[in-house]
């Protein structure tokens, strides 16, 4: 099913230009997140998988959020944790912990000992939530170390858990 919000917004503009003034309040059309999407985002935000983190990892101030993605409009929830361990140790932790919680590894970017981790590298897992295929991305948004700007250093890394789904047609792929 295609999202129709941008089309409806354009239609409202055409009708107003044509002099049709008795239209319902269309302010909700400014947000591509439907009521159902907002409810699903709240459901994603309540998933206990977002609380799974390596020992000693702490949630950053303002590190929790949910809603609909700015570019996609799809429901999401996320957590951003600060850790004192490397991206490799974080990846190893989630390679074990998430399958134990029922999530299936779908894709893993190279994250190996003694090698730099490219920014944007992540582990991707899937699992149905209320019958909707849901994607969980484990990423490394931490500070850059010495080296090219697109490469994370070998030191402690932050970790971002981002879960996303499209309850309408399920074709979102966050991995």
N, C-alpha and C. Protein backbone atom coordinates (compact mmCIF):
# COMPACT_ATOMS: atom_id res chain seq x y z
N UNK A 1 0.84 -1.17 0.00
CA UNK A 1 0.00 0.00 0.00
C UNK A 1 0.89 1.23 0.00
N UNK A 2 0.61 2.16 -0.85
CA UNK A 2 1.43 3.37 -0.99
C UNK A 2 0.98 4.43 0.01
N UNK A 3 1.89 5.20 0.52
CA UNK A 3 1.56 6.31 1.41
C UNK A 3 1.00 7.44 0.56
N UNK A 4 -0.15 7.99 1.00
CA UNK A 4 -0.86 8.97 0.19
C UNK A 4 -0.79 10.38 0.75
N UNK A 5 -0.14 10.59 1.85
CA UNK A 5 -0.11 11.90 2.50
C UNK A 5 0.40 12.99 1.56
N UNK A 6 1.55 12.84 0.84
CA UNK A 6 1.99 13.91 -0.04
C UNK A 6 0.99 14.20 -1.15
N UNK A 7 0.32 13.17 -1.66
CA UNK A 7 -0.67 13.36 -2.71
C UNK A 7 -1.85 14.15 -2.19
N UNK A 8 -2.32 13.81 -0.99
CA UNK A 8 -3.44 14.54 -0.40
C UNK A 8 -3.09 16.00 -0.15
N UNK A 9 -1.86 16.23 0.31
CA UNK A 9 -1.42 17.61 0.53
C UNK A 9 -1.45 18.42 -0.75
N UNK A 10 -1.00 17.83 -1.85
CA UNK A 10 -1.03 18.51 -3.15
C UNK A 10 -2.47 18.74 -3.58
N UNK A 11 -3.36 17.77 -3.34
CA UNK A 11 -4.77 17.91 -3.69
C UNK A 11 -5.41 19.05 -2.92
N UNK A 12 -5.09 19.19 -1.64
CA UNK A 12 -5.62 20.29 -0.84
C UNK A 12 -5.22 21.62 -1.46
N UNK A 13 -3.94 21.74 -1.87
CA UNK A 13 -3.48 22.97 -2.50
C UNK A 13 -4.25 23.28 -3.78
N UNK A 14 -4.51 22.29 -4.59
CA UNK A 14 -5.26 22.48 -5.83
C UNK A 14 -6.67 22.92 -5.53
N UNK A 15 -7.33 22.27 -4.55
CA UNK A 15 -8.70 22.63 -4.20
C UNK A 15 -8.78 24.04 -3.63
N UNK A 16 -7.82 24.43 -2.81
CA UNK A 16 -7.82 25.78 -2.27
C UNK A 16 -7.63 26.81 -3.36
N UNK A 17 -6.74 26.51 -4.31
CA UNK A 17 -6.51 27.42 -5.43
C UNK A 17 -7.75 27.54 -6.29
N UNK A 18 -8.57 26.48 -6.32
CA UNK A 18 -9.78 26.50 -7.14
C UNK A 18 -10.93 27.16 -6.39
N UNK A 19 -10.71 27.60 -5.15
CA UNK A 19 -11.74 28.31 -4.41
C UNK A 19 -12.58 27.42 -3.52
N UNK A 20 -12.18 26.23 -3.28
CA UNK A 20 -12.92 25.31 -2.41
C UNK A 20 -12.46 25.57 -0.99
N UNK A 21 -13.19 26.36 -0.24
CA UNK A 21 -12.74 26.75 1.08
C UNK A 21 -13.26 25.89 2.21
N UNK A 22 -14.27 25.07 2.00
CA UNK A 22 -14.87 24.29 3.07
C UNK A 22 -14.21 22.91 3.15
N UNK A 23 -12.95 22.90 3.48
CA UNK A 23 -12.21 21.64 3.61
C UNK A 23 -11.95 21.34 5.07
N UNK A 24 -11.87 20.07 5.44
CA UNK A 24 -11.55 19.73 6.84
C UNK A 24 -10.13 20.15 7.17
N UNK A 25 -9.86 20.23 8.48
CA UNK A 25 -8.51 20.56 8.94
C UNK A 25 -7.54 19.50 8.46
N UNK A 26 -6.55 19.90 7.66
CA UNK A 26 -5.60 18.96 7.09
C UNK A 26 -4.23 19.08 7.76
N UNK A 27 -4.15 19.67 8.97
CA UNK A 27 -2.85 19.84 9.62
C UNK A 27 -2.16 18.51 9.88
N UNK A 28 -2.94 17.45 10.05
CA UNK A 28 -2.34 16.14 10.28
C UNK A 28 -1.58 15.65 9.05
N UNK A 29 -1.88 16.21 7.89
CA UNK A 29 -1.21 15.78 6.67
C UNK A 29 0.23 16.27 6.61
N UNK A 30 0.58 17.23 7.45
CA UNK A 30 1.96 17.71 7.47
C UNK A 30 2.90 16.64 8.02
N UNK A 31 2.37 15.70 8.76
CA UNK A 31 3.16 14.64 9.37
C UNK A 31 2.83 13.33 8.67
N UNK A 32 3.84 12.67 8.10
CA UNK A 32 3.60 11.43 7.38
C UNK A 32 3.38 10.25 8.31
N UNK A 33 3.37 10.48 9.59
CA UNK A 33 3.18 9.43 10.58
C UNK A 33 1.69 9.36 10.92
N UNK A 34 1.04 8.27 10.54
CA UNK A 34 -0.38 8.11 10.82
C UNK A 34 -0.58 7.76 12.30
N UNK A 35 -1.83 7.80 12.75
CA UNK A 35 -2.10 7.41 14.14
C UNK A 35 -1.66 5.97 14.38
N UNK A 36 -1.93 5.10 13.41
CA UNK A 36 -1.52 3.70 13.54
C UNK A 36 0.00 3.57 13.61
N UNK A 37 0.71 4.38 12.79
CA UNK A 37 2.17 4.38 12.83
C UNK A 37 2.67 4.84 14.19
N UNK A 38 2.04 5.87 14.74
CA UNK A 38 2.45 6.38 16.05
C UNK A 38 2.24 5.32 17.13
N UNK A 39 1.12 4.60 17.05
CA UNK A 39 0.88 3.53 18.03
C UNK A 39 1.93 2.42 17.87
N UNK A 40 2.27 2.09 16.62
CA UNK A 40 3.26 1.05 16.39
C UNK A 40 4.64 1.51 16.88
N UNK A 41 4.97 2.79 16.70
CA UNK A 41 6.24 3.33 17.20
C UNK A 41 6.30 3.20 18.72
N UNK A 42 5.18 3.44 19.39
CA UNK A 42 5.14 3.28 20.85
C UNK A 42 5.34 1.82 21.23
N UNK A 43 4.77 0.90 20.44
CA UNK A 43 4.96 -0.52 20.69
C UNK A 43 6.43 -0.89 20.51
N UNK A 44 7.07 -0.37 19.44
CA UNK A 44 8.49 -0.62 19.23
C UNK A 44 9.32 -0.07 20.39
N UNK A 45 8.95 1.12 20.87
CA UNK A 45 9.69 1.76 21.95
C UNK A 45 9.62 0.93 23.24
N UNK A 46 8.57 0.13 23.39
CA UNK A 46 8.41 -0.69 24.59
C UNK A 46 9.11 -2.04 24.49
N UNK A 47 9.72 -2.35 23.34
CA UNK A 47 10.40 -3.64 23.19
C UNK A 47 11.57 -3.76 24.16
N UNK A 48 11.63 -4.86 24.87
CA UNK A 48 12.71 -5.05 25.84
C UNK A 48 14.07 -5.21 25.16
N UNK A 49 14.08 -5.55 23.87
CA UNK A 49 15.36 -5.71 23.16
C UNK A 49 16.16 -4.41 23.17
N UNK A 50 15.47 -3.28 23.26
CA UNK A 50 16.18 -1.99 23.28
C UNK A 50 16.93 -1.76 24.59
N UNK A 51 16.64 -2.56 25.58
CA UNK A 51 17.33 -2.44 26.87
C UNK A 51 18.51 -3.39 26.98
N UNK A 52 18.68 -4.27 25.99
CA UNK A 52 19.81 -5.20 26.01
C UNK A 52 21.07 -4.44 25.63
N UNK A 53 22.05 -4.47 26.53
CA UNK A 53 23.29 -3.73 26.29
C UNK A 53 24.44 -4.38 27.06
N UNK A 54 25.65 -4.15 26.58
CA UNK A 54 26.80 -4.72 27.29
C UNK A 54 26.89 -4.16 28.71
N UNK A 55 27.47 -4.95 29.61
CA UNK A 55 27.67 -4.50 30.98
C UNK A 55 28.41 -3.18 31.02
N UNK A 56 27.96 -2.27 31.85
CA UNK A 56 28.60 -0.97 32.00
C UNK A 56 28.13 0.07 30.99
N UNK A 57 27.39 -0.33 29.97
CA UNK A 57 26.89 0.64 28.98
C UNK A 57 25.81 1.50 29.62
N UNK A 58 25.86 2.80 29.36
CA UNK A 58 24.88 3.71 29.93
C UNK A 58 24.15 4.46 28.82
N UNK A 59 22.87 4.66 29.04
CA UNK A 59 22.05 5.40 28.08
C UNK A 59 22.47 6.87 28.10
N UNK A 60 22.74 7.42 26.94
CA UNK A 60 23.11 8.83 26.85
C UNK A 60 21.91 9.71 27.19
N UNK A 61 22.16 10.91 27.70
CA UNK A 61 21.08 11.86 27.90
C UNK A 61 20.41 12.08 26.55
N UNK A 62 19.11 12.05 26.51
CA UNK A 62 18.35 12.15 25.26
C UNK A 62 18.71 11.03 24.29
N UNK A 63 19.13 9.88 24.81
CA UNK A 63 19.53 8.75 23.96
C UNK A 63 18.41 7.80 23.63
N UNK A 64 17.19 8.09 24.07
CA UNK A 64 16.04 7.24 23.75
C UNK A 64 15.04 8.05 22.94
N UNK A 65 14.48 7.42 21.93
CA UNK A 65 13.48 8.12 21.14
C UNK A 65 12.63 7.15 20.35
N UNK A 66 11.50 7.67 19.88
CA UNK A 66 10.64 6.91 18.98
C UNK A 66 9.76 7.88 18.22
N UNK A 67 9.19 7.40 17.14
CA UNK A 67 8.33 8.22 16.30
C UNK A 67 8.30 7.64 14.90
N UNK A 68 8.31 8.54 13.92
CA UNK A 68 8.36 8.13 12.52
C UNK A 68 9.55 8.80 11.88
N UNK A 69 10.30 8.05 11.07
CA UNK A 69 11.50 8.58 10.43
C UNK A 69 11.19 9.77 9.56
N UNK A 70 12.06 10.79 9.61
CA UNK A 70 11.87 12.00 8.81
C UNK A 70 11.82 11.71 7.33
N UNK A 71 12.68 10.83 6.86
CA UNK A 71 12.75 10.57 5.42
C UNK A 71 11.82 9.45 4.98
N UNK A 72 11.44 8.56 5.88
CA UNK A 72 10.63 7.41 5.48
C UNK A 72 9.19 7.47 5.97
N UNK A 73 8.99 8.09 7.11
CA UNK A 73 7.68 8.07 7.72
C UNK A 73 7.38 6.77 8.45
N UNK A 74 8.31 5.82 8.47
CA UNK A 74 8.10 4.53 9.11
C UNK A 74 8.29 4.64 10.61
N UNK A 75 7.51 3.89 11.38
CA UNK A 75 7.68 3.88 12.83
C UNK A 75 9.05 3.33 13.23
N UNK A 76 9.64 3.94 14.26
CA UNK A 76 10.93 3.49 14.76
C UNK A 76 11.02 3.74 16.26
N UNK A 77 12.01 3.10 16.87
CA UNK A 77 12.41 3.39 18.25
C UNK A 77 13.91 3.18 18.32
N UNK A 78 14.58 3.93 19.19
CA UNK A 78 16.03 3.79 19.26
C UNK A 78 16.55 4.06 20.66
N UNK A 79 17.76 3.55 20.89
CA UNK A 79 18.51 3.80 22.11
C UNK A 79 19.98 4.01 21.72
N UNK A 80 20.63 4.95 22.38
CA UNK A 80 22.05 5.23 22.13
C UNK A 80 22.76 5.10 23.47
N UNK A 81 23.69 4.12 23.52
CA UNK A 81 24.42 3.83 24.75
C UNK A 81 25.89 4.18 24.59
N UNK A 82 26.48 4.64 25.68
CA UNK A 82 27.93 4.86 25.73
C UNK A 82 28.53 3.64 26.42
N UNK A 83 29.61 3.11 25.83
CA UNK A 83 30.27 1.95 26.42
C UNK A 83 31.75 2.26 26.62
N UNK A 84 32.40 1.42 27.36
CA UNK A 84 33.84 1.53 27.54
C UNK A 84 34.57 0.43 26.79
N UNK A 85 33.88 -0.21 25.83
CA UNK A 85 34.47 -1.33 25.10
C UNK A 85 34.54 -1.01 23.61
N UNK A 86 35.26 -1.83 22.88
CA UNK A 86 35.45 -1.60 21.44
C UNK A 86 34.24 -2.04 20.63
N UNK A 87 34.18 -1.58 19.38
CA UNK A 87 33.11 -1.98 18.47
C UNK A 87 33.11 -3.49 18.28
N UNK A 88 34.29 -4.12 18.25
CA UNK A 88 34.36 -5.57 18.10
C UNK A 88 33.71 -6.28 19.28
N UNK A 89 33.99 -5.80 20.50
CA UNK A 89 33.38 -6.41 21.68
C UNK A 89 31.87 -6.19 21.71
N UNK A 90 31.45 -5.02 21.27
CA UNK A 90 30.01 -4.73 21.19
C UNK A 90 29.36 -5.68 20.18
N UNK A 91 29.97 -5.82 19.00
CA UNK A 91 29.43 -6.70 17.97
C UNK A 91 29.34 -8.14 18.48
N UNK A 92 30.39 -8.60 19.15
CA UNK A 92 30.39 -9.96 19.71
C UNK A 92 29.25 -10.13 20.72
N UNK A 93 29.06 -9.12 21.55
CA UNK A 93 27.98 -9.17 22.55
C UNK A 93 26.63 -9.33 21.87
N UNK A 94 26.34 -8.48 20.86
CA UNK A 94 25.04 -8.54 20.20
C UNK A 94 24.88 -9.77 19.30
N UNK A 95 25.98 -10.29 18.76
CA UNK A 95 25.88 -11.54 17.97
C UNK A 95 25.39 -12.69 18.84
N UNK A 96 25.65 -12.63 20.13
CA UNK A 96 25.17 -13.66 21.06
C UNK A 96 23.82 -13.30 21.69
N UNK A 97 23.70 -12.08 22.17
CA UNK A 97 22.53 -11.68 22.96
C UNK A 97 21.25 -11.58 22.14
N UNK A 98 21.32 -11.06 20.93
CA UNK A 98 20.08 -10.86 20.18
C UNK A 98 19.47 -12.16 19.66
N UNK A 99 20.25 -13.10 19.12
CA UNK A 99 19.62 -14.39 18.77
C UNK A 99 19.01 -15.09 19.99
N UNK A 100 19.64 -14.95 21.15
CA UNK A 100 19.09 -15.53 22.37
C UNK A 100 17.75 -14.89 22.73
N UNK A 101 17.52 -13.66 22.26
CA UNK A 101 16.27 -12.95 22.52
C UNK A 101 15.27 -13.14 21.37
N UNK A 102 15.61 -14.02 20.41
CA UNK A 102 14.66 -14.32 19.33
C UNK A 102 14.86 -13.56 18.04
N UNK A 103 15.93 -12.77 17.93
CA UNK A 103 16.20 -12.00 16.71
C UNK A 103 17.15 -12.78 15.82
N UNK A 104 16.91 -12.76 14.51
CA UNK A 104 17.72 -13.50 13.55
C UNK A 104 18.69 -12.55 12.85
N UNK A 105 19.98 -12.91 12.86
CA UNK A 105 20.99 -12.10 12.18
C UNK A 105 20.74 -12.18 10.68
N UNK A 106 20.58 -11.01 10.06
CA UNK A 106 20.32 -10.94 8.63
C UNK A 106 21.57 -10.49 7.86
N UNK A 107 22.33 -9.56 8.44
CA UNK A 107 23.50 -9.00 7.77
C UNK A 107 24.47 -8.49 8.83
N UNK A 108 25.76 -8.68 8.57
CA UNK A 108 26.79 -8.16 9.48
C UNK A 108 27.91 -7.56 8.65
N UNK A 109 28.17 -6.29 8.84
CA UNK A 109 29.33 -5.67 8.20
C UNK A 109 30.59 -6.15 8.91
N UNK A 110 31.74 -6.10 8.23
CA UNK A 110 32.98 -6.57 8.85
C UNK A 110 33.36 -5.74 10.09
N UNK A 111 33.47 -6.42 11.22
CA UNK A 111 33.88 -5.79 12.47
C UNK A 111 34.81 -6.79 13.14
N UNK A 112 36.10 -6.57 12.99
CA UNK A 112 37.09 -7.54 13.44
C UNK A 112 38.14 -6.88 14.33
N UNK A 113 38.75 -7.71 15.16
CA UNK A 113 39.82 -7.24 16.05
C UNK A 113 40.97 -6.65 15.24
N UNK A 114 41.52 -5.59 15.75
CA UNK A 114 42.70 -4.93 15.17
C UNK A 114 42.43 -4.33 13.79
N UNK A 115 41.18 -4.19 13.41
CA UNK A 115 40.86 -3.53 12.14
C UNK A 115 39.94 -2.36 12.44
N UNK A 116 40.09 -1.33 11.65
CA UNK A 116 39.21 -0.17 11.82
C UNK A 116 37.78 -0.53 11.41
N UNK A 117 36.84 0.12 12.04
CA UNK A 117 35.43 -0.09 11.74
C UNK A 117 34.94 1.12 10.95
N UNK A 118 34.42 0.89 9.76
CA UNK A 118 33.93 1.99 8.94
C UNK A 118 32.64 2.54 9.53
N UNK A 119 32.53 3.87 9.53
CA UNK A 119 31.29 4.51 9.99
C UNK A 119 30.13 3.98 9.16
N UNK A 120 29.04 3.70 9.79
CA UNK A 120 27.90 3.13 9.11
C UNK A 120 27.88 1.61 9.18
N UNK A 121 28.99 1.00 9.63
CA UNK A 121 29.01 -0.45 9.78
C UNK A 121 27.99 -0.84 10.84
N UNK A 122 27.33 -1.97 10.62
CA UNK A 122 26.33 -2.38 11.59
C UNK A 122 25.99 -3.86 11.45
N UNK A 123 25.30 -4.33 12.45
CA UNK A 123 24.71 -5.66 12.45
C UNK A 123 23.21 -5.46 12.27
N UNK A 124 22.59 -6.30 11.48
CA UNK A 124 21.15 -6.17 11.24
C UNK A 124 20.43 -7.47 11.57
N UNK A 125 19.37 -7.35 12.33
CA UNK A 125 18.58 -8.49 12.77
C UNK A 125 17.13 -8.27 12.38
N UNK A 126 16.36 -9.37 12.28
CA UNK A 126 14.93 -9.27 11.98
C UNK A 126 14.15 -10.17 12.94
N UNK A 127 12.89 -9.78 13.11
CA UNK A 127 11.95 -10.57 13.90
C UNK A 127 10.57 -9.96 13.71
N UNK A 128 9.54 -10.79 13.62
CA UNK A 128 8.19 -10.23 13.54
C UNK A 128 7.76 -9.63 14.89
N UNK A 129 7.10 -8.50 14.81
CA UNK A 129 6.47 -7.87 15.98
C UNK A 129 5.01 -7.67 15.59
N UNK A 130 4.11 -8.34 16.27
CA UNK A 130 2.69 -8.33 15.93
C UNK A 130 2.45 -8.67 14.46
N UNK A 131 3.20 -9.63 13.94
CA UNK A 131 3.03 -10.07 12.57
C UNK A 131 3.69 -9.19 11.53
N UNK A 132 4.40 -8.15 11.95
CA UNK A 132 5.07 -7.22 11.03
C UNK A 132 6.58 -7.47 11.10
N UNK A 133 7.20 -7.73 9.94
CA UNK A 133 8.66 -7.93 9.92
C UNK A 133 9.32 -6.65 10.40
N UNK A 134 10.13 -6.78 11.44
CA UNK A 134 10.76 -5.64 12.09
C UNK A 134 12.27 -5.79 12.00
N UNK A 135 12.96 -4.68 11.79
CA UNK A 135 14.40 -4.67 11.56
C UNK A 135 15.09 -3.96 12.71
N UNK A 136 16.11 -4.61 13.25
CA UNK A 136 16.89 -4.04 14.35
C UNK A 136 18.33 -3.86 13.86
N UNK A 137 18.78 -2.63 13.89
CA UNK A 137 20.13 -2.30 13.47
C UNK A 137 20.97 -1.96 14.70
N UNK A 138 22.15 -2.56 14.78
CA UNK A 138 23.12 -2.25 15.83
C UNK A 138 24.24 -1.49 15.15
N UNK A 139 24.37 -0.20 15.45
CA UNK A 139 25.37 0.63 14.78
C UNK A 139 26.33 1.26 15.75
N UNK A 140 27.33 1.94 15.21
CA UNK A 140 28.42 2.50 16.00
C UNK A 140 28.59 3.98 15.68
N UNK A 141 27.83 4.84 16.33
CA UNK A 141 27.88 6.27 16.01
C UNK A 141 28.91 7.05 16.82
N UNK A 142 29.82 6.39 17.51
CA UNK A 142 30.74 7.03 18.44
C UNK A 142 31.70 8.02 17.82
N UNK A 143 32.51 8.63 18.67
CA UNK A 143 33.49 9.63 18.26
C UNK A 143 34.55 9.01 17.37
N UNK A 144 35.07 9.82 16.48
CA UNK A 144 36.11 9.35 15.57
C UNK A 144 37.47 9.38 16.25
N UNK A 145 38.29 8.43 15.93
CA UNK A 145 39.64 8.36 16.43
C UNK A 145 40.57 8.88 15.32
N UNK A 146 41.86 8.79 15.50
CA UNK A 146 42.81 9.20 14.46
C UNK A 146 42.57 8.39 13.20
N UNK A 147 42.71 9.00 12.07
CA UNK A 147 42.52 8.30 10.80
C UNK A 147 41.50 9.02 9.94
N UNK A 148 41.15 8.44 8.82
CA UNK A 148 40.17 9.07 7.93
C UNK A 148 38.86 9.33 8.65
N UNK A 149 38.13 10.34 8.25
CA UNK A 149 36.90 10.72 8.94
C UNK A 149 35.79 9.70 8.83
N UNK A 150 35.88 8.78 7.89
CA UNK A 150 34.82 7.78 7.75
C UNK A 150 35.14 6.47 8.47
N UNK A 151 36.14 6.50 9.35
CA UNK A 151 36.59 5.28 10.03
C UNK A 151 36.60 5.50 11.53
N UNK A 152 36.02 4.56 12.27
CA UNK A 152 36.07 4.61 13.73
C UNK A 152 37.39 4.02 14.21
N UNK A 153 37.92 4.57 15.26
CA UNK A 153 39.16 4.03 15.82
C UNK A 153 38.92 2.76 16.60
N UNK A 154 39.97 2.24 17.21
CA UNK A 154 39.89 0.97 17.93
C UNK A 154 39.44 1.13 19.38
N UNK A 155 39.31 2.36 19.85
CA UNK A 155 38.98 2.60 21.25
C UNK A 155 37.52 2.35 21.58
N UNK A 156 37.09 2.80 22.77
CA UNK A 156 35.70 2.60 23.18
C UNK A 156 34.73 3.19 22.17
N UNK A 157 33.61 2.51 21.99
CA UNK A 157 32.62 2.94 21.01
C UNK A 157 31.26 3.11 21.67
N UNK A 158 30.45 3.96 21.10
CA UNK A 158 29.05 4.04 21.47
C UNK A 158 28.31 3.04 20.60
N UNK A 159 27.10 2.70 21.00
CA UNK A 159 26.28 1.79 20.21
C UNK A 159 24.87 2.35 20.12
N UNK A 160 24.31 2.24 18.93
CA UNK A 160 22.96 2.72 18.66
C UNK A 160 22.11 1.53 18.26
N UNK A 161 21.03 1.30 18.99
CA UNK A 161 20.05 0.28 18.62
C UNK A 161 18.88 1.01 17.98
N UNK A 162 18.53 0.60 16.77
CA UNK A 162 17.47 1.27 16.02
C UNK A 162 16.55 0.21 15.44
N UNK A 163 15.30 0.20 15.88
CA UNK A 163 14.32 -0.77 15.41
C UNK A 163 13.28 -0.04 14.57
N UNK A 164 12.95 -0.62 13.38
CA UNK A 164 12.06 0.05 12.45
C UNK A 164 11.19 -0.98 11.73
N UNK A 165 9.96 -0.58 11.39
CA UNK A 165 9.06 -1.46 10.66
C UNK A 165 8.03 -0.62 9.91
N UNK A 166 7.40 -1.22 8.92
CA UNK A 166 6.29 -0.59 8.21
C UNK A 166 5.07 -1.48 8.39
N UNK A 167 4.18 -1.13 9.33
CA UNK A 167 3.03 -1.99 9.60
C UNK A 167 2.03 -2.05 8.45
N UNK A 168 2.12 -1.12 7.48
CA UNK A 168 1.17 -1.13 6.37
C UNK A 168 1.51 -2.15 5.31
N UNK A 169 2.76 -2.19 4.86
CA UNK A 169 3.10 -3.16 3.80
C UNK A 169 4.36 -3.95 4.07
N UNK A 170 5.06 -3.66 5.16
CA UNK A 170 6.19 -4.47 5.58
C UNK A 170 7.39 -4.48 4.67
N UNK A 171 7.48 -3.56 3.74
CA UNK A 171 8.58 -3.59 2.78
C UNK A 171 9.79 -2.74 3.18
N UNK A 172 9.78 -2.16 4.35
CA UNK A 172 10.93 -1.39 4.82
C UNK A 172 12.10 -2.36 5.06
N UNK A 173 13.27 -1.91 4.72
CA UNK A 173 14.45 -2.73 4.99
C UNK A 173 15.48 -1.83 5.62
N UNK A 174 15.61 -1.92 6.91
CA UNK A 174 16.54 -1.08 7.64
C UNK A 174 17.93 -1.69 7.70
N UNK A 175 18.13 -2.81 7.03
CA UNK A 175 19.41 -3.50 7.12
C UNK A 175 20.17 -3.37 5.81
